[in-house]
C-alpha atoms as a PDB file:
ATOM      1  CA  UNK A   1       0.611  19.172  -8.962  1.00  0.00           C
ATOM      2  CA  UNK A   2       1.959  16.578 -11.363  1.00  0.00           C
ATOM      3  CA  UNK A   3       1.571  13.115  -9.846  1.00  0.00           C
ATOM      4  CA  UNK A   4       5.083  12.251 -11.037  1.00  0.00           C
ATOM      5  CA  UNK A   5       6.465  15.090  -8.902  1.00  0.00           C
ATOM      6  CA  UNK A   6       4.637  14.187  -5.690  1.00  0.00           C
ATOM      7  CA  UNK A   7       7.052  14.344  -2.758  1.00  0.00           C
ATOM      8  CA  UNK A   8       6.614  11.607  -0.183  1.00  0.00           C
ATOM      9  CA  UNK A   9       7.627  12.419   3.386  1.00  0.00           C
ATOM     10  CA  UNK A  10      11.315  11.634   2.975  1.00  0.00           C
ATOM     11  CA  UNK A  11      12.152   7.948   3.323  1.00  0.00           C
ATOM     12  CA  UNK A  12       9.165   7.315   5.590  1.00  0.00           C
ATOM     13  CA  UNK A  13       7.151   4.125   5.057  1.00  0.00           C
ATOM     14  CA  UNK A  14       3.407   4.053   5.650  1.00  0.00           C
ATOM     15  CA  UNK A  15       1.097   1.403   7.104  1.00  0.00           C
ATOM     16  CA  UNK A  16      -1.611   2.372   4.653  1.00  0.00           C
ATOM     17  CA  UNK A  17      -2.498   4.669   1.788  1.00  0.00           C
ATOM     18  CA  UNK A  18      -6.023   5.637   0.726  1.00  0.00           C
ATOM     19  CA  UNK A  19      -6.693   6.728  -2.858  1.00  0.00           C
ATOM     20  CA  UNK A  20     -10.254   7.836  -3.543  1.00  0.00           C
ATOM     21  CA  UNK A  21     -11.682   8.935  -6.865  1.00  0.00           C
ATOM     22  CA  UNK A  22      -8.313   9.965  -8.283  1.00  0.00           C
ATOM     23  CA  UNK A  23      -7.177   7.365 -10.799  1.00  0.00           C
ATOM     24  CA  UNK A  24      -9.829   8.323 -13.355  1.00  0.00           C
ATOM     25  CA  UNK A  25      -7.966  11.622 -13.751  1.00  0.00           C
ATOM     26  CA  UNK A  26      -4.578   9.983 -14.394  1.00  0.00           C
ATOM     27  CA  UNK A  27      -3.185   8.809 -17.706  1.00  0.00           C
ATOM     28  CA  UNK A  28      -2.121   5.137 -17.893  1.00  0.00           C
ATOM     29  CA  UNK A  29       1.542   6.123 -17.390  1.00  0.00           C
ATOM     30  CA  UNK A  30       0.698   8.363 -14.433  1.00  0.00           C
ATOM     31  CA  UNK A  31      -1.444   5.620 -12.908  1.00  0.00           C
ATOM     32  CA  UNK A  32       1.310   3.021 -13.086  1.00  0.00           C
ATOM     33  CA  UNK A  33       3.814   5.511 -11.650  1.00  0.00           C
ATOM     34  CA  UNK A  34       1.472   6.235  -8.729  1.00  0.00           C
ATOM     35  CA  UNK A  35       0.808   2.565  -7.939  1.00  0.00           C
ATOM     36  CA  UNK A  36       4.519   1.753  -8.111  1.00  0.00           C
ATOM     37  CA  UNK A  37       5.286   4.718  -5.813  1.00  0.00           C
ATOM     38  CA  UNK A  38       2.588   3.740  -3.318  1.00  0.00           C
ATOM     39  CA  UNK A  39       4.000   0.207  -3.104  1.00  0.00           C
ATOM     40  CA  UNK A  40       7.532   1.550  -2.593  1.00  0.00           C
ATOM     41  CA  UNK A  41       6.331   3.650   0.349  1.00  0.00           C
ATOM     42  CA  UNK A  42       4.345   0.970   2.183  1.00  0.00           C
ATOM     43  CA  UNK A  43       5.730  -1.177   4.983  1.00  0.00           C
ATOM     44  CA  UNK A  44       5.595  -4.956   4.549  1.00  0.00           C
ATOM     45  CA  UNK A  45       1.954  -5.979   4.859  1.00  0.00           C
ATOM     46  CA  UNK A  46       0.958  -2.331   4.341  1.00  0.00           C
ATOM     47  CA  UNK A  47      -2.444  -1.725   2.808  1.00  0.00           C
ATOM     48  CA  UNK A  48      -3.662   0.276  -0.165  1.00  0.00           C
ATOM     49  CA  UNK A  49      -7.364   1.141  -0.215  1.00  0.00           C
ATOM     50  CA  UNK A  50      -8.455   2.309  -3.646  1.00  0.00           C
ATOM     51  CA  UNK A  51     -11.881   3.541  -4.680  1.00  0.00           C
ATOM     52  CA  UNK A  52     -12.560   4.593  -8.246  1.00  0.00           C
ATOM     53  CA  UNK A  53     -15.215   5.029 -10.875  1.00  0.00           C
ATOM     54  CA  UNK A  54     -14.815   2.832 -13.941  1.00  0.00           C
ATOM     55  CA  UNK A  55     -17.306   5.182 -15.597  1.00  0.00           C
ATOM     56  CA  UNK A  56     -14.650   7.892 -15.650  1.00  0.00           C
ATOM     57  CA  UNK A  57     -14.544  11.172 -13.761  1.00  0.00           C
ATOM     58  CA  UNK A  58     -16.661  14.276 -13.864  1.00  0.00           C
ATOM     59  CA  UNK A  59     -18.093  15.226 -17.221  1.00  0.00           C
ATOM     60  CA  UNK A  60     -15.870  17.472 -19.333  1.00  0.00           C
ATOM     61  CA  UNK A  61     -18.007  20.551 -18.921  1.00  0.00           C
ATOM     62  CA  UNK A  62     -16.863  23.918 -20.205  1.00  0.00           C
ATOM     63  CA  UNK A  63     -16.460  25.275 -16.660  1.00  0.00           C
ATOM     64  CA  UNK A  64     -14.461  22.218 -15.549  1.00  0.00           C
ATOM     65  CA  UNK A  65     -11.930  21.335 -18.210  1.00  0.00           C
ATOM     66  CA  UNK A  66     -10.386  18.200 -16.718  1.00  0.00           C
ATOM     67  CA  UNK A  67      -9.361  15.168 -18.760  1.00  0.00           C
ATOM     68  CA  UNK A  68     -10.789  11.882 -17.585  1.00  0.00           C
ATOM     69  CA  UNK A  69      -9.808   8.286 -18.195  1.00  0.00           C
ATOM     70  CA  UNK A  70     -11.893   5.160 -18.005  1.00  0.00           C
ATOM     71  CA  UNK A  71     -10.252   1.972 -16.694  1.00  0.00           C
ATOM     72  CA  UNK A  72     -11.918  -1.416 -16.817  1.00  0.00           C
ATOM     73  CA  UNK A  73     -11.700  -3.252 -13.511  1.00  0.00           C
ATOM     74  CA  UNK A  74      -9.619  -6.011 -15.117  1.00  0.00           C
ATOM     75  CA  UNK A  75      -6.978  -3.451 -16.168  1.00  0.00           C
ATOM     76  CA  UNK A  76      -6.783  -2.043 -12.657  1.00  0.00           C
ATOM     77  CA  UNK A  77      -6.616  -5.510 -11.074  1.00  0.00           C
ATOM     78  CA  UNK A  78      -3.773  -6.568 -13.390  1.00  0.00           C
ATOM     79  CA  UNK A  79      -1.807  -3.420 -12.573  1.00  0.00           C
ATOM     80  CA  UNK A  80      -2.301  -3.875  -8.837  1.00  0.00           C
ATOM     81  CA  UNK A  81      -1.361  -7.560  -8.968  1.00  0.00           C
ATOM     82  CA  UNK A  82       1.913  -6.522 -10.600  1.00  0.00           C
ATOM     83  CA  UNK A  83       2.936  -4.638  -7.421  1.00  0.00           C
ATOM     84  CA  UNK A  84       0.855  -6.176  -4.624  1.00  0.00           C
ATOM     85  CA  UNK A  85       0.232  -9.669  -3.322  1.00  0.00           C
ATOM     86  CA  UNK A  86      -3.399  -9.821  -2.270  1.00  0.00           C
ATOM     87  CA  UNK A  87      -5.933  -7.806  -4.295  1.00  0.00           C
ATOM     88  CA  UNK A  88      -9.585  -7.859  -3.208  1.00  0.00           C
ATOM     89  CA  UNK A  89     -12.290  -6.154  -5.273  1.00  0.00           C
ATOM     90  CA  UNK A  90     -15.879  -5.307  -4.416  1.00  0.00           C
ATOM     91  CA  UNK A  91     -18.504  -3.184  -6.146  1.00  0.00           C
ATOM     92  CA  UNK A  92     -18.725   0.366  -4.873  1.00  0.00           C
ATOM     93  CA  UNK A  93     -21.430   3.021  -5.008  1.00  0.00           C
ATOM     94  CA  UNK A  94     -23.934   2.966  -7.867  1.00  0.00           C
ATOM     95  CA  UNK A  95     -24.599   6.687  -7.822  1.00  0.00           C
ATOM     96  CA  UNK A  96     -22.795   9.882  -6.944  1.00  0.00           C
ATOM     97  CA  UNK A  97     -24.070  12.454  -4.503  1.00  0.00           C
ATOM     98  CA  UNK A  98     -22.149  15.216  -6.288  1.00  0.00           C
ATOM     99  CA  UNK A  99     -22.328  14.449 -10.022  1.00  0.00           C
ATOM    100  CA  UNK A 100     -25.513  13.708 -11.926  1.00  0.00           C
ATOM    101  CA  UNK A 101     -24.648  10.809 -14.227  1.00  0.00           C
ATOM    102  CA  UNK A 102     -27.114   9.710 -16.895  1.00  0.00           C
ATOM    103  CA  UNK A 103     -26.486   6.039 -16.059  1.00  0.00           C
ATOM    104  CA  UNK A 104     -25.760   4.126 -12.838  1.00  0.00           C
ATOM    105  CA  UNK A 105     -22.205   4.631 -11.669  1.00  0.00           C
ATOM    106  CA  UNK A 106     -19.808   1.709 -12.097  1.00  0.00           C
ATOM    107  CA  UNK A 107     -17.407   2.021  -9.193  1.00  0.00           C
ATOM    108  CA  UNK A 108     -15.147  -0.296  -7.239  1.00  0.00           C
ATOM    109  CA  UNK A 109     -13.528  -0.456  -3.822  1.00  0.00           C
ATOM    110  CA  UNK A 110     -10.255  -2.352  -3.790  1.00  0.00           C
ATOM    111  CA  UNK A 111      -8.046  -3.499  -0.903  1.00  0.00           C
ATOM    112  CA  UNK A 112      -4.437  -4.497  -1.611  1.00  0.00           C
ATOM    113  CA  UNK A 113      -1.824  -5.866   0.765  1.00  0.00           C
ATOM    114  CA  UNK A 114       1.865  -5.318   0.197  1.00  0.00           C
ATOM    115  CA  UNK A 115       3.750  -8.627   0.388  1.00  0.00           C
ATOM    116  CA  UNK A 116       6.435  -9.217   2.982  1.00  0.00           C
END
């Protein structure tokens, strides 16, 4: 599915949206589109919980040909602040249970509140 074609449940607004380990597979344009869409579908004071790996996604192995993108936390914060009021960042996991990275994982857990 193309993230730009994602169909929200009609005109319904949500109290919260959780995005986990997805943005590292989106291009910068797709990422901004998603964040803008999430904000548009949250109620006032709705919450976005976002968890991502700044180290990028799974390795581009021959059996898994998936592009990955690496976003510095500052880039992600600036994008979120463009659409949300309160943006809180904390460090996430330092290793993955599913992917063997050569280095410690740089990941973040972010909580955003939609302004009234």
